[in-house]
């Protein structure tokens, strides 16, 4: 398809939409909370490869399939970011794989 997981542009790192596709090739977990953590683990790896970390995330964009999943997503987001508190947009959307409940993209600054 011709895209990058993460792109460095100036002092910013833009991470593409990331769904819960575990790195080991296993199926995505069923639970929104667990899917969110899988997404953030993949995002963490991409940020580290680009020279930054989750601590430097300034924006998250989240695509949820079901509004009822917001609380589980929000709990995981809060655990990952704690005091970082990035700007966030969350929207309802259809995703490509029916097993996916969430897709997340982030923007971070380089330290």
PDB file of N, CA and C in Angstrom:
ATOM      1  N   UNK A   1       0.816  -1.192   0.000  1.00  0.00           N
ATOM      2  CA  UNK A   1       0.000   0.000   0.000  1.00  0.00           C
ATOM      3  C   UNK A   1       0.860   1.255   0.000  1.00  0.00           C
ATOM      4  N   UNK A   2       2.099   1.172   0.456  1.00  0.00           N
ATOM      5  CA  UNK A   2       2.997   2.310   0.392  1.00  0.00           C
ATOM      6  C   UNK A   2       2.818   3.325   1.499  1.00  0.00           C
ATOM      7  N   UNK A   3       2.938   2.906   2.748  1.00  0.00           N
ATOM      8  CA  UNK A   3       2.874   3.854   3.858  1.00  0.00           C
ATOM      9  C   UNK A   3       3.903   3.460   4.904  1.00  0.00           C
ATOM     10  N   UNK A   4       4.156   4.377   5.835  1.00  0.00           N
ATOM     11  CA  UNK A   4       5.097   4.133   6.925  1.00  0.00           C
ATOM     12  C   UNK A   4       4.336   4.070   8.237  1.00  0.00           C
ATOM     13  N   UNK A   5       4.803   3.235   9.143  1.00  0.00           N
ATOM     14  CA  UNK A   5       4.214   3.179  10.490  1.00  0.00           C
ATOM     15  C   UNK A   5       4.398   4.513  11.182  1.00  0.00           C
ATOM     16  N   UNK A   6       5.600   5.114  10.992  1.00  0.00           N
ATOM     17  CA  UNK A   6       5.879   6.418  11.595  1.00  0.00           C
ATOM     18  C   UNK A   6       6.750   7.236  10.659  1.00  0.00           C
ATOM     19  N   UNK A   7       6.518   8.545  10.650  1.00  0.00           N
ATOM     20  CA  UNK A   7       7.280   9.472   9.818  1.00  0.00           C
ATOM     21  C   UNK A   7       7.773  10.607  10.704  1.00  0.00           C
ATOM     22  N   UNK A   8       9.066  10.898  10.602  1.00  0.00           N
ATOM     23  CA  UNK A   8       9.646  12.043  11.300  1.00  0.00           C
ATOM     24  C   UNK A   8       9.603  13.224  10.342  1.00  0.00           C
ATOM     25  N   UNK A   9       9.016  14.328  10.799  1.00  0.00           N
ATOM     26  CA  UNK A   9       8.945  15.560  10.015  1.00  0.00           C
ATOM     27  C   UNK A   9       9.335  16.717  10.932  1.00  0.00           C
ATOM     28  N   UNK A  10      10.524  17.234  10.749  1.00  0.00           N
ATOM     29  CA  UNK A  10      11.008  18.281  11.647  1.00  0.00           C
ATOM     30  C   UNK A  10      11.180  17.719  13.048  1.00  0.00           C
ATOM     31  N   UNK A  11      10.531  18.360  14.013  1.00  0.00           N
ATOM     32  CA  UNK A  11      10.635  17.906  15.398  1.00  0.00           C
ATOM     33  C   UNK A  11       9.452  17.035  15.814  1.00  0.00           C
ATOM     34  N   UNK A  12       8.685  16.557  14.828  1.00  0.00           N
ATOM     35  CA  UNK A  12       7.480  15.762  15.096  1.00  0.00           C
ATOM     36  C   UNK A  12       7.613  14.347  14.557  1.00  0.00           C
ATOM     37  N   UNK A  13       6.935  13.431  15.236  1.00  0.00           N
ATOM     38  CA  UNK A  13       6.805  12.061  14.755  1.00  0.00           C
ATOM     39  C   UNK A  13       5.317  11.785  14.623  1.00  0.00           C
ATOM     40  N   UNK A  14       4.900  11.399  13.427  1.00  0.00           N
ATOM     41  CA  UNK A  14       3.503  11.082  13.144  1.00  0.00           C
ATOM     42  C   UNK A  14       3.396   9.574  12.994  1.00  0.00           C
ATOM     43  N   UNK A  15       2.575   8.949  13.845  1.00  0.00           N
ATOM     44  CA  UNK A  15       2.398   7.502  13.781  1.00  0.00           C
ATOM     45  C   UNK A  15       1.054   7.211  13.128  1.00  0.00           C
ATOM     46  N   UNK A  16       1.090   6.377  12.096  1.00  0.00           N
ATOM     47  CA  UNK A  16      -0.117   6.003  11.352  1.00  0.00           C
ATOM     48  C   UNK A  16      -1.136   5.326  12.253  1.00  0.00           C
ATOM     49  N   UNK A  17      -2.372   5.294  11.771  1.00  0.00           N
ATOM     50  CA  UNK A  17      -3.419   4.578  12.473  1.00  0.00           C
ATOM     51  C   UNK A  17      -2.966   3.160  12.778  1.00  0.00           C
ATOM     52  N   UNK A  18      -3.106   2.771  14.023  1.00  0.00           N
ATOM     53  CA  UNK A  18      -2.605   1.485  14.503  1.00  0.00           C
ATOM     54  C   UNK A  18      -3.739   0.710  15.139  1.00  0.00           C
ATOM     55  N   UNK A  19      -4.036  -0.445  14.568  1.00  0.00           N
ATOM     56  CA  UNK A  19      -5.077  -1.318  15.109  1.00  0.00           C
ATOM     57  C   UNK A  19      -4.421  -2.419  15.937  1.00  0.00           C
ATOM     58  N   UNK A  20      -5.244  -3.192  16.617  1.00  0.00           N
ATOM     59  CA  UNK A  20      -4.766  -4.229  17.542  1.00  0.00           C
ATOM     60  C   UNK A  20      -4.359  -5.491  16.789  1.00  0.00           C
ATOM     61  N   UNK A  21      -3.268  -5.395  16.053  1.00  0.00           N
ATOM     62  CA  UNK A  21      -2.685  -6.545  15.357  1.00  0.00           C
ATOM     63  C   UNK A  21      -1.438  -6.963  16.119  1.00  0.00           C
ATOM     64  N   UNK A  22      -1.553  -7.913  17.053  1.00  0.00           N
ATOM     65  CA  UNK A  22      -0.394  -8.290  17.856  1.00  0.00           C
ATOM     66  C   UNK A  22       0.821  -8.629  16.991  1.00  0.00           C
ATOM     67  N   UNK A  23       1.992  -8.225  17.458  1.00  0.00           N
ATOM     68  CA  UNK A  23       3.237  -8.427  16.711  1.00  0.00           C
ATOM     69  C   UNK A  23       3.520  -9.902  16.452  1.00  0.00           C
ATOM     70  N   UNK A  24       3.000 -10.792  17.304  1.00  0.00           N
ATOM     71  CA  UNK A  24       3.252 -12.228  17.126  1.00  0.00           C
ATOM     72  C   UNK A  24       2.315 -12.876  16.117  1.00  0.00           C
ATOM     73  N   UNK A  25       1.432 -12.079  15.495  1.00  0.00           N
ATOM     74  CA  UNK A  25       0.526 -12.604  14.479  1.00  0.00           C
ATOM     75  C   UNK A  25      -0.746 -13.234  15.020  1.00  0.00           C
ATOM     76  N   UNK A  26      -0.905 -13.241  16.326  1.00  0.00           N
ATOM     77  CA  UNK A  26      -2.122 -13.798  16.909  1.00  0.00           C
ATOM     78  C   UNK A  26      -3.303 -12.872  16.618  1.00  0.00           C
ATOM     79  N   UNK A  27      -4.527 -13.371  16.769  1.00  0.00           N
ATOM     80  CA  UNK A  27      -5.687 -12.510  16.517  1.00  0.00           C
ATOM     81  C   UNK A  27      -5.788 -11.411  17.573  1.00  0.00           C
ATOM     82  N   UNK A  28      -6.493 -10.336  17.244  1.00  0.00           N
ATOM     83  CA  UNK A  28      -6.662  -9.271  18.230  1.00  0.00           C
ATOM     84  C   UNK A  28      -7.464  -9.782  19.427  1.00  0.00           C
ATOM     85  N   UNK A  29      -7.191  -9.245  20.619  1.00  0.00           N
ATOM     86  CA  UNK A  29      -8.004  -9.622  21.769  1.00  0.00           C
ATOM     87  C   UNK A  29      -9.450  -9.173  21.558  1.00  0.00           C
ATOM     88  N   UNK A  30     -10.362  -9.786  22.262  1.00  0.00           N
ATOM     89  CA  UNK A  30     -11.782  -9.431  22.130  1.00  0.00           C
ATOM     90  C   UNK A  30     -12.139  -8.154  22.880  1.00  0.00           C
ATOM     91  N   UNK A  31     -11.447  -7.865  23.950  1.00  0.00           N
ATOM     92  CA  UNK A  31     -11.797  -6.769  24.847  1.00  0.00           C
ATOM     93  C   UNK A  31     -11.199  -5.439  24.379  1.00  0.00           C
ATOM     94  N   UNK A  32     -11.965  -4.361  24.447  1.00  0.00           N
ATOM     95  CA  UNK A  32     -11.494  -3.041  24.015  1.00  0.00           C
ATOM     96  C   UNK A  32     -10.296  -2.578  24.830  1.00  0.00           C
ATOM     97  N   UNK A  33     -10.313  -2.824  26.122  1.00  0.00           N
ATOM     98  CA  UNK A  33      -9.202  -2.445  26.988  1.00  0.00           C
ATOM     99  C   UNK A  33      -7.915  -3.117  26.512  1.00  0.00           C
ATOM    100  N   UNK A  34      -7.968  -4.416  26.265  1.00  0.00           N
ATOM    101  CA  UNK A  34      -6.792  -5.151  25.801  1.00  0.00           C
ATOM    102  C   UNK A  34      -6.376  -4.719  24.400  1.00  0.00           C
ATOM    103  N   UNK A  35      -7.349  -4.478  23.517  1.00  0.00           N
ATOM    104  CA  UNK A  35      -7.006  -4.002  22.172  1.00  0.00           C
ATOM    105  C   UNK A  35      -6.289  -2.654  22.239  1.00  0.00           C
ATOM    106  N   UNK A  36      -6.749  -1.787  23.115  1.00  0.00           N
ATOM    107  CA  UNK A  36      -6.122  -0.476  23.252  1.00  0.00           C
ATOM    108  C   UNK A  36      -4.673  -0.621  23.689  1.00  0.00           C
ATOM    109  N   UNK A  37      -4.417  -1.522  24.629  1.00  0.00           N
ATOM    110  CA  UNK A  37      -3.034  -1.734  25.075  1.00  0.00           C
ATOM    111  C   UNK A  37      -2.170  -2.327  23.964  1.00  0.00           C
ATOM    112  N   UNK A  38      -2.724  -3.208  23.135  1.00  0.00           N
ATOM    113  CA  UNK A  38      -1.963  -3.734  21.991  1.00  0.00           C
ATOM    114  C   UNK A  38      -1.596  -2.579  21.056  1.00  0.00           C
ATOM    115  N   UNK A  39      -2.563  -1.719  20.761  1.00  0.00           N
ATOM    116  CA  UNK A  39      -2.284  -0.560  19.893  1.00  0.00           C
ATOM    117  C   UNK A  39      -1.158   0.288  20.459  1.00  0.00           C
ATOM    118  N   UNK A  40      -1.235   0.611  21.750  1.00  0.00           N
ATOM    119  CA  UNK A  40      -0.224   1.475  22.345  1.00  0.00           C
ATOM    120  C   UNK A  40       1.139   0.794  22.441  1.00  0.00           C
ATOM    121  N   UNK A  41       1.182  -0.517  22.557  1.00  0.00           N
ATOM    122  CA  UNK A  41       2.463  -1.206  22.553  1.00  0.00           C
ATOM    123  C   UNK A  41       3.119  -1.083  21.176  1.00  0.00           C
ATOM    124  N   UNK A  42       2.332  -1.272  20.112  1.00  0.00           N
ATOM    125  CA  UNK A  42       2.855  -1.118  18.753  1.00  0.00           C
ATOM    126  C   UNK A  42       3.292   0.325  18.495  1.00  0.00           C
ATOM    127  N   UNK A  43       2.511   1.265  18.987  1.00  0.00           N
ATOM    128  CA  UNK A  43       2.848   2.685  18.837  1.00  0.00           C
ATOM    129  C   UNK A  43       4.127   3.005  19.606  1.00  0.00           C
ATOM    130  N   UNK A  44       4.258   2.476  20.810  1.00  0.00           N
ATOM    131  CA  UNK A  44       5.465   2.693  21.617  1.00  0.00           C
ATOM    132  C   UNK A  44       6.717   2.255  20.858  1.00  0.00           C
ATOM    133  N   UNK A  45       6.644   1.077  20.243  1.00  0.00           N
ATOM    134  CA  UNK A  45       7.783   0.563  19.481  1.00  0.00           C
ATOM    135  C   UNK A  45       8.121   1.502  18.318  1.00  0.00           C
ATOM    136  N   UNK A  46       7.102   1.951  17.596  1.00  0.00           N
ATOM    137  CA  UNK A  46       7.334   2.862  16.469  1.00  0.00           C
ATOM    138  C   UNK A  46       7.947   4.175  16.941  1.00  0.00           C
ATOM    139  N   UNK A  47       7.461   4.704  18.047  1.00  0.00           N
ATOM    140  CA  UNK A  47       8.017   5.955  18.574  1.00  0.00           C
ATOM    141  C   UNK A  47       9.470   5.783  18.990  1.00  0.00           C
ATOM    142  N   UNK A  48       9.769   4.680  19.658  1.00  0.00           N
ATOM    143  CA  UNK A  48      11.149   4.443  20.088  1.00  0.00           C
ATOM    144  C   UNK A  48      12.078   4.305  18.884  1.00  0.00           C
ATOM    145  N   UNK A  49      11.616   3.628  17.833  1.00  0.00           N
ATOM    146  CA  UNK A  49      12.442   3.500  16.629  1.00  0.00           C
ATOM    147  C   UNK A  49      12.668   4.856  15.967  1.00  0.00           C
ATOM    148  N   UNK A  50      11.732   5.778  16.165  1.00  0.00           N
ATOM    149  CA  UNK A  50      11.858   7.123  15.580  1.00  0.00           C
ATOM    150  C   UNK A  50      12.611   8.086  16.491  1.00  0.00           C
ATOM    151  N   UNK A  51      12.985   7.634  17.690  1.00  0.00           N
ATOM    152  CA  UNK A  51      13.784   8.470  18.573  1.00  0.00           C
ATOM    153  C   UNK A  51      13.025   9.218  19.646  1.00  0.00           C
ATOM    154  N   UNK A  52      11.813   8.787  19.945  1.00  0.00           N
ATOM    155  CA  UNK A  52      11.030   9.451  20.986  1.00  0.00           C
ATOM    156  C   UNK A  52      10.294   8.392  21.812  1.00  0.00           C
ATOM    157  N   UNK A  53       9.285   8.799  22.564  1.00  0.00           N
ATOM    158  CA  UNK A  53       8.592   7.853  23.438  1.00  0.00           C
ATOM    159  C   UNK A  53       7.155   8.295  23.677  1.00  0.00           C
ATOM    160  N   UNK A  54       6.406   7.456  24.360  1.00  0.00           N
ATOM    161  CA  UNK A  54       5.029   7.791  24.723  1.00  0.00           C
ATOM    162  C   UNK A  54       4.980   9.040  25.606  1.00  0.00           C
ATOM    163  N   UNK A  55       6.031   9.301  26.355  1.00  0.00           N
ATOM    164  CA  UNK A  55       6.078  10.485  27.220  1.00  0.00           C
ATOM    165  C   UNK A  55       6.069  11.783  26.421  1.00  0.00           C
ATOM    166  N   UNK A  56       6.381  11.701  25.116  1.00  0.00           N
ATOM    167  CA  UNK A  56       6.436  12.890  24.269  1.00  0.00           C
ATOM    168  C   UNK A  56       5.256  13.006  23.315  1.00  0.00           C
ATOM    169  N   UNK A  57       4.212  12.220  23.544  1.00  0.00           N
ATOM    170  CA  UNK A  57       3.020  12.291  22.701  1.00  0.00           C
ATOM    171  C   UNK A  57       2.243  13.560  23.047  1.00  0.00           C
ATOM    172  N   UNK A  58       1.881  14.325  22.002  1.00  0.00           N
ATOM    173  CA  UNK A  58       1.124  15.563  22.197  1.00  0.00           C
ATOM    174  C   UNK A  58      -0.311  15.461  21.685  1.00  0.00           C
ATOM    175  N   UNK A  59      -0.614  14.449  20.874  1.00  0.00           N
ATOM    176  CA  UNK A  59      -1.974  14.275  20.364  1.00  0.00           C
ATOM    177  C   UNK A  59      -2.235  12.813  20.107  1.00  0.00           C
ATOM    178  N   UNK A  60      -3.459  12.388  20.454  1.00  0.00           N
ATOM    179  CA  UNK A  60      -3.950  11.069  20.064  1.00  0.00           C
ATOM    180  C   UNK A  60      -5.245  11.263  19.289  1.00  0.00           C
ATOM    181  N   UNK A  61      -5.403  10.452  18.249  1.00  0.00           N
ATOM    182  CA  UNK A  61      -6.655  10.412  17.489  1.00  0.00           C
ATOM    183  C   UNK A  61      -7.134   8.977  17.545  1.00  0.00           C
ATOM    184  N   UNK A  62      -8.354   8.815  17.989  1.00  0.00           N
ATOM    185  CA  UNK A  62      -8.874   7.477  18.265  1.00  0.00           C
ATOM    186  C   UNK A  62     -10.150   7.269  17.477  1.00  0.00           C
ATOM    187  N   UNK A  63     -10.231   6.107  16.843  1.00  0.00           N
ATOM    188  CA  UNK A  63     -11.403   5.719  16.073  1.00  0.00           C
ATOM    189  C   UNK A  63     -11.999   4.492  16.750  1.00  0.00           C
ATOM    190  N   UNK A  64     -13.177   4.653  17.333  1.00  0.00           N
ATOM    191  CA  UNK A  64     -13.884   3.560  17.999  1.00  0.00           C
ATOM    192  C   UNK A  64     -15.025   3.088  17.119  1.00  0.00           C
ATOM    193  N   UNK A  65     -15.260   1.794  17.097  1.00  0.00           N
ATOM    194  CA  UNK A  65     -16.388   1.233  16.350  1.00  0.00           C
ATOM    195  C   UNK A  65     -17.681   1.408  17.131  1.00  0.00           C
ATOM    196  N   UNK A  66     -17.616   1.290  18.455  1.00  0.00           N
ATOM    197  CA  UNK A  66     -18.822   1.290  19.281  1.00  0.00           C
ATOM    198  C   UNK A  66     -18.644   2.274  20.439  1.00  0.00           C
ATOM    199  N   UNK A  67     -19.578   3.198  20.595  1.00  0.00           N
ATOM    200  CA  UNK A  67     -19.512   4.184  21.682  1.00  0.00           C
ATOM    201  C   UNK A  67     -19.508   3.517  23.051  1.00  0.00           C
ATOM    202  N   UNK A  68     -20.098   2.343  23.164  1.00  0.00           N
ATOM    203  CA  UNK A  68     -20.118   1.632  24.443  1.00  0.00           C
ATOM    204  C   UNK A  68     -18.728   1.208  24.893  1.00  0.00           C
ATOM    205  N   UNK A  69     -17.757   1.219  23.986  1.00  0.00           N
ATOM    206  CA  UNK A  69     -16.387   0.836  24.315  1.00  0.00           C
ATOM    207  C   UNK A  69     -15.553   1.994  24.852  1.00  0.00           C
ATOM    208  N   UNK A  70     -16.135   3.183  24.914  1.00  0.00           N
ATOM    209  CA  UNK A  70     -15.351   4.350  25.312  1.00  0.00           C
ATOM    210  C   UNK A  70     -14.712   4.185  26.685  1.00  0.00           C
ATOM    211  N   UNK A  71     -15.445   3.696  27.668  1.00  0.00           N
ATOM    212  CA  UNK A  71     -14.904   3.598  29.027  1.00  0.00           C
ATOM    213  C   UNK A  71     -13.681   2.680  29.087  1.00  0.00           C
ATOM    214  N   UNK A  72     -13.736   1.534  28.422  1.00  0.00           N
ATOM    215  CA  UNK A  72     -12.590   0.621  28.416  1.00  0.00           C
ATOM    216  C   UNK A  72     -11.390   1.228  27.728  1.00  0.00           C
ATOM    217  N   UNK A  73     -11.637   1.906  26.607  1.00  0.00           N
ATOM    218  CA  UNK A  73     -10.557   2.606  25.912  1.00  0.00           C
ATOM    219  C   UNK A  73      -9.979   3.698  26.809  1.00  0.00           C
ATOM    220  N   UNK A  74     -10.854   4.507  27.405  1.00  0.00           N
ATOM    221  CA  UNK A  74     -10.407   5.644  28.207  1.00  0.00           C
ATOM    222  C   UNK A  74      -9.575   5.184  29.405  1.00  0.00           C
ATOM    223  N   UNK A  75      -9.935   4.075  30.012  1.00  0.00           N
ATOM    224  CA  UNK A  75      -9.170   3.542  31.144  1.00  0.00           C
ATOM    225  C   UNK A  75      -7.744   3.191  30.697  1.00  0.00           C
ATOM    226  N   UNK A  76      -7.630   2.498  29.556  1.00  0.00           N
ATOM    227  CA  UNK A  76      -6.303   2.129  29.044  1.00  0.00           C
ATOM    228  C   UNK A  76      -5.508   3.373  28.642  1.00  0.00           C
ATOM    229  N   UNK A  77      -6.150   4.325  27.984  1.00  0.00           N
ATOM    230  CA  UNK A  77      -5.487   5.569  27.569  1.00  0.00           C
ATOM    231  C   UNK A  77      -4.937   6.286  28.797  1.00  0.00           C
ATOM    232  N   UNK A  78      -5.734   6.376  29.834  1.00  0.00           N
ATOM    233  CA  UNK A  78      -5.291   7.027  31.063  1.00  0.00           C
ATOM    234  C   UNK A  78      -4.112   6.313  31.712  1.00  0.00           C
ATOM    235  N   UNK A  79      -4.106   4.990  31.672  1.00  0.00           N
ATOM    236  CA  UNK A  79      -2.993   4.225  32.229  1.00  0.00           C
ATOM    237  C   UNK A  79      -1.708   4.460  31.441  1.00  0.00           C
ATOM    238  N   UNK A  80      -1.832   4.553  30.128  1.00  0.00           N
ATOM    239  CA  UNK A  80      -0.646   4.735  29.284  1.00  0.00           C
ATOM    240  C   UNK A  80      -0.084   6.151  29.432  1.00  0.00           C
ATOM    241  N   UNK A  81      -0.952   7.145  29.492  1.00  0.00           N
ATOM    242  CA  UNK A  81      -0.476   8.516  29.437  1.00  0.00           C
ATOM    243  C   UNK A  81      -0.425   9.241  30.774  1.00  0.00           C
ATOM    244  N   UNK A  82      -1.173   8.831  31.769  1.00  0.00           N
ATOM    245  CA  UNK A  82      -1.080   9.435  33.103  1.00  0.00           C
ATOM    246  C   UNK A  82      -0.941  10.942  33.066  1.00  0.00           C
ATOM    247  N   UNK A  83       0.228  11.422  33.473  1.00  0.00           N
ATOM    248  CA  UNK A  83       0.480  12.862  33.553  1.00  0.00           C
ATOM    249  C   UNK A  83       0.788  13.507  32.206  1.00  0.00           C
ATOM    250  N   UNK A  84       1.008  12.724  31.160  1.00  0.00           N
ATOM    251  CA  UNK A  84       1.331  13.282  29.844  1.00  0.00           C
ATOM    252  C   UNK A  84       0.154  14.101  29.310  1.00  0.00           C
ATOM    253  N   UNK A  85      -1.042  13.539  29.419  1.00  0.00           N
ATOM    254  CA  UNK A  85      -2.287  14.212  29.058  1.00  0.00           C
ATOM    255  C   UNK A  85      -2.266  14.858  27.665  1.00  0.00           C
ATOM    256  N   UNK A  86      -2.064  14.068  26.597  1.00  0.00           N
ATOM    257  CA  UNK A  86      -2.055  14.641  25.248  1.00  0.00           C
ATOM    258  C   UNK A  86      -3.439  15.143  24.846  1.00  0.00           C
ATOM    259  N   UNK A  87      -3.468  16.043  23.872  1.00  0.00           N
ATOM    260  CA  UNK A  87      -4.742  16.425  23.264  1.00  0.00           C
ATOM    261  C   UNK A  87      -5.319  15.168  22.621  1.00  0.00           C
ATOM    262  N   UNK A  88      -6.637  15.033  22.628  1.00  0.00           N
ATOM    263  CA  UNK A  88      -7.264  13.819  22.111  1.00  0.00           C
ATOM    264  C   UNK A  88      -8.513  14.143  21.325  1.00  0.00           C
ATOM    265  N   UNK A  89      -8.709  13.392  20.247  1.00  0.00           N
ATOM    266  CA  UNK A  89      -9.962  13.389  19.513  1.00  0.00           C
ATOM    267  C   UNK A  89     -10.401  11.942  19.411  1.00  0.00           C
ATOM    268  N   UNK A  90     -11.646  11.680  19.740  1.00  0.00           N
ATOM    269  CA  UNK A  90     -12.194  10.330  19.627  1.00  0.00           C
ATOM    270  C   UNK A  90     -13.451  10.406  18.781  1.00  0.00           C
ATOM    271  N   UNK A  91     -13.512   9.581  17.738  1.00  0.00           N
ATOM    272  CA  UNK A  91     -14.675   9.560  16.850  1.00  0.00           C
ATOM    273  C   UNK A  91     -15.153   8.124  16.661  1.00  0.00           C
ATOM    274  N   UNK A  92     -16.396   7.983  16.284  1.00  0.00           N
ATOM    275  CA  UNK A  92     -16.934   6.678  15.912  1.00  0.00           C
ATOM    276  C   UNK A  92     -16.697   6.465  14.425  1.00  0.00           C
ATOM    277  N   UNK A  93     -16.256   5.252  14.077  1.00  0.00           N
ATOM    278  CA  UNK A  93     -15.927   4.963  12.679  1.00  0.00           C
ATOM    279  C   UNK A  93     -16.017   3.469  12.422  1.00  0.00           C
ATOM    280  N   UNK A  94     -16.218   3.116  11.171  1.00  0.00           N
ATOM    281  CA  UNK A  94     -16.085   1.730  10.768  1.00  0.00           C
ATOM    282  C   UNK A  94     -14.616   1.452  10.482  1.00  0.00           C
ATOM    283  N   UNK A  95     -14.149   0.255  10.832  1.00  0.00           N
ATOM    284  CA  UNK A  95     -12.758  -0.111  10.579  1.00  0.00           C
ATOM    285  C   UNK A  95     -12.707  -1.270   9.598  1.00  0.00           C
ATOM    286  N   UNK A  96     -11.543  -1.483   8.986  1.00  0.00           N
ATOM    287  CA  UNK A  96     -11.411  -2.461   7.903  1.00  0.00           C
ATOM    288  C   UNK A  96     -11.640  -3.908   8.335  1.00  0.00           C
ATOM    289  N   UNK A  97     -11.174  -4.278   9.511  1.00  0.00           N
ATOM    290  CA  UNK A  97     -11.307  -5.649   9.999  1.00  0.00           C
ATOM    291  C   UNK A  97     -12.424  -5.685  11.038  1.00  0.00           C
ATOM    292  N   UNK A  98     -13.413  -6.532  10.890  1.00  0.00           N
ATOM    293  CA  UNK A  98     -14.525  -6.552  11.842  1.00  0.00           C
ATOM    294  C   UNK A  98     -14.115  -6.948  13.263  1.00  0.00           C
ATOM    295  N   UNK A  99     -12.923  -7.500  13.440  1.00  0.00           N
ATOM    296  CA  UNK A  99     -12.442  -7.836  14.791  1.00  0.00           C
ATOM    297  C   UNK A  99     -11.898  -6.624  15.523  1.00  0.00           C
ATOM    298  N   UNK A 100     -11.554  -5.573  14.784  1.00  0.00           N
ATOM    299  CA  UNK A 100     -10.984  -4.374  15.397  1.00  0.00           C
ATOM    300  C   UNK A 100     -12.065  -3.537  16.051  1.00  0.00           C
ATOM    301  N   UNK A 101     -11.809  -3.115  17.256  1.00  0.00           N
ATOM    302  CA  UNK A 101     -12.728  -2.240  17.984  1.00  0.00           C
ATOM    303  C   UNK A 101     -12.192  -0.809  18.059  1.00  0.00           C
ATOM    304  N   UNK A 102     -10.875  -0.655  17.793  1.00  0.00           N
ATOM    305  CA  UNK A 102     -10.230   0.643  17.948  1.00  0.00           C
ATOM    306  C   UNK A 102      -9.035   0.743  17.002  1.00  0.00           C
ATOM    307  N   UNK A 103      -8.802   1.938  16.542  1.00  0.00           N
ATOM    308  CA  UNK A 103      -7.585   2.276  15.786  1.00  0.00           C
ATOM    309  C   UNK A 103      -7.093   3.608  16.328  1.00  0.00           C
ATOM    310  N   UNK A 104      -5.784   3.724  16.523  1.00  0.00           N
ATOM    311  CA  UNK A 104      -5.220   4.916  17.179  1.00  0.00           C
ATOM    312  C   UNK A 104      -4.055   5.439  16.362  1.00  0.00           C
ATOM    313  N   UNK A 105      -3.998   6.755  16.208  1.00  0.00           N
ATOM    314  CA  UNK A 105      -2.824   7.402  15.638  1.00  0.00           C
ATOM    315  C   UNK A 105      -2.344   8.450  16.636  1.00  0.00           C
ATOM    316  N   UNK A 106      -1.054   8.723  16.631  1.00  0.00           N
ATOM    317  CA  UNK A 106      -0.499   9.704  17.565  1.00  0.00           C
ATOM    318  C   UNK A 106       0.475  10.624  16.865  1.00  0.00           C
ATOM    319  N   UNK A 107       0.682  11.755  17.513  1.00  0.00           N
ATOM    320  CA  UNK A 107       1.721  12.700  17.116  1.00  0.00           C
ATOM    321  C   UNK A 107       2.567  12.967  18.354  1.00  0.00           C
ATOM    322  N   UNK A 108       3.874  12.887  18.191  1.00  0.00           N
ATOM    323  CA  UNK A 108       4.805  13.107  19.303  1.00  0.00           C
ATOM    324  C   UNK A 108       5.882  14.090  18.871  1.00  0.00           C
ATOM    325  N   UNK A 109       6.537  14.680  19.851  1.00  0.00           N
ATOM    326  CA  UNK A 109       7.677  15.539  19.567  1.00  0.00           C
ATOM    327  C   UNK A 109       8.957  14.764  19.855  1.00  0.00           C
ATOM    328  N   UNK A 110      10.001  15.146  19.166  1.00  0.00           N
ATOM    329  CA  UNK A 110      11.317  14.569  19.452  1.00  0.00           C
ATOM    330  C   UNK A 110      11.895  15.269  20.682  1.00  0.00           C
ATOM    331  N   UNK A 111      12.585  14.530  21.538  1.00  0.00           N
ATOM    332  CA  UNK A 111      13.148  15.169  22.753  1.00  0.00           C
ATOM    333  C   UNK A 111      14.278  16.136  22.398  1.00  0.00           C
TER     334      UNK A 111
END
